[in-house]
Amino acid sequence: MKMVYVDTNVILRYLTNDVASLALRAKRWFQKAEEGSCKALVLHITLVEVIFLLEHWYEQDKRTSVEQLLLF
């Protein structure tokens, strides 16, 4: 099975939908991983970076950012 490291940008596009075409691609990719077509690996530092960017670039409060990741 193919293993892929998930980049911060992929998660951000999926969560924020700020670039609709990329958000759709991210959604499809995560669906493939969920179906077992590939294995997705997210590093801890990637999650930290996502939270940081959601707070500082997208101006979300920490609680909202963490809740989004937990639902992800």
Protein backbone atom coordinates (compact mmCIF):
# COMPACT_ATOMS: atom_id res chain seq x y z
CA MET A 1 0.00 0.00 0.00
CA LYS A 2 1.24 3.45 -0.88
CA MET A 3 2.02 5.69 2.12
CA VAL A 4 1.85 9.46 1.72
CA TYR A 5 2.85 12.22 4.13
CA VAL A 6 0.10 14.83 4.40
CA ASP A 7 1.31 18.40 4.00
CA THR A 8 0.02 21.34 6.04
CA ASN A 9 -1.44 22.96 2.93
CA VAL A 10 -3.60 19.94 2.13
CA ILE A 11 -5.15 20.01 5.60
CA LEU A 12 -5.65 23.77 5.48
CA ARG A 13 -7.37 23.62 2.07
CA TYR A 14 -9.64 20.87 3.37
CA LEU A 15 -10.54 22.69 6.60
CA THR A 16 -10.89 26.23 5.26
CA ASN A 17 -12.14 25.62 1.72
CA ASP A 18 -10.45 28.91 0.80
CA VAL A 19 -9.44 27.57 -2.61
CA ALA A 20 -12.43 25.49 -3.69
CA SER A 21 -10.67 23.45 -6.38
CA LEU A 22 -7.86 22.47 -3.99
CA ALA A 23 -10.31 21.77 -1.18
CA LEU A 24 -12.14 19.34 -3.46
CA ARG A 25 -8.88 17.61 -4.39
CA ALA A 26 -7.96 17.33 -0.70
CA LYS A 27 -11.39 15.91 0.13
CA ARG A 28 -11.09 13.28 -2.61
CA TRP A 29 -7.60 12.38 -1.43
CA PHE A 30 -8.75 11.94 2.18
CA GLN A 31 -11.66 9.80 0.97
CA LYS A 32 -9.19 7.51 -0.82
CA ALA A 33 -7.18 7.21 2.39
CA GLU A 34 -10.35 6.44 4.35
CA GLU A 35 -11.29 3.74 1.82
CA GLY A 36 -7.86 2.18 2.22
CA SER A 37 -6.48 2.94 -1.25
CA CYS A 38 -3.48 4.57 0.41
CA LYS A 39 -2.16 5.25 3.88
CA ALA A 40 -1.94 8.86 5.08
CA LEU A 41 0.63 9.92 7.65
CA VAL A 42 0.39 13.27 9.43
CA LEU A 43 3.36 14.32 11.53
CA HIS A 44 2.87 16.03 14.88
CA ILE A 45 4.69 19.12 13.65
CA THR A 46 2.22 19.36 10.77
CA LEU A 47 -0.68 19.51 13.23
CA VAL A 48 1.11 22.19 15.24
CA GLU A 49 1.66 24.20 12.08
CA VAL A 50 -2.01 23.85 11.07
CA ILE A 51 -3.16 25.15 14.46
CA PHE A 52 -0.67 28.02 14.31
CA LEU A 53 -1.83 29.07 10.83
CA LEU A 54 -5.52 28.75 11.67
CA GLU A 55 -4.96 31.07 14.63
CA HIS A 56 -2.60 33.61 13.09
CA TRP A 57 -3.42 33.66 9.38
CA TYR A 58 -7.11 32.72 9.45
CA GLU A 59 -7.66 34.49 12.81
CA GLN A 60 -9.50 31.62 14.48
CA ASP A 61 -9.36 31.20 18.21
CA LYS A 62 -7.42 28.22 19.54
CA ARG A 63 -10.52 26.34 20.68
CA THR A 64 -12.12 26.48 17.22
CA SER A 65 -8.86 25.42 15.58
CA VAL A 66 -8.43 22.42 17.86
CA GLU A 67 -12.08 21.42 17.47
CA GLN A 68 -11.71 21.47 13.69
CA LEU A 69 -8.69 19.20 13.89
CA LEU A 70 -10.43 16.80 16.25
CA LEU A 71 -13.32 16.48 13.80
CA PHE A 72 -10.85 16.04 10.96
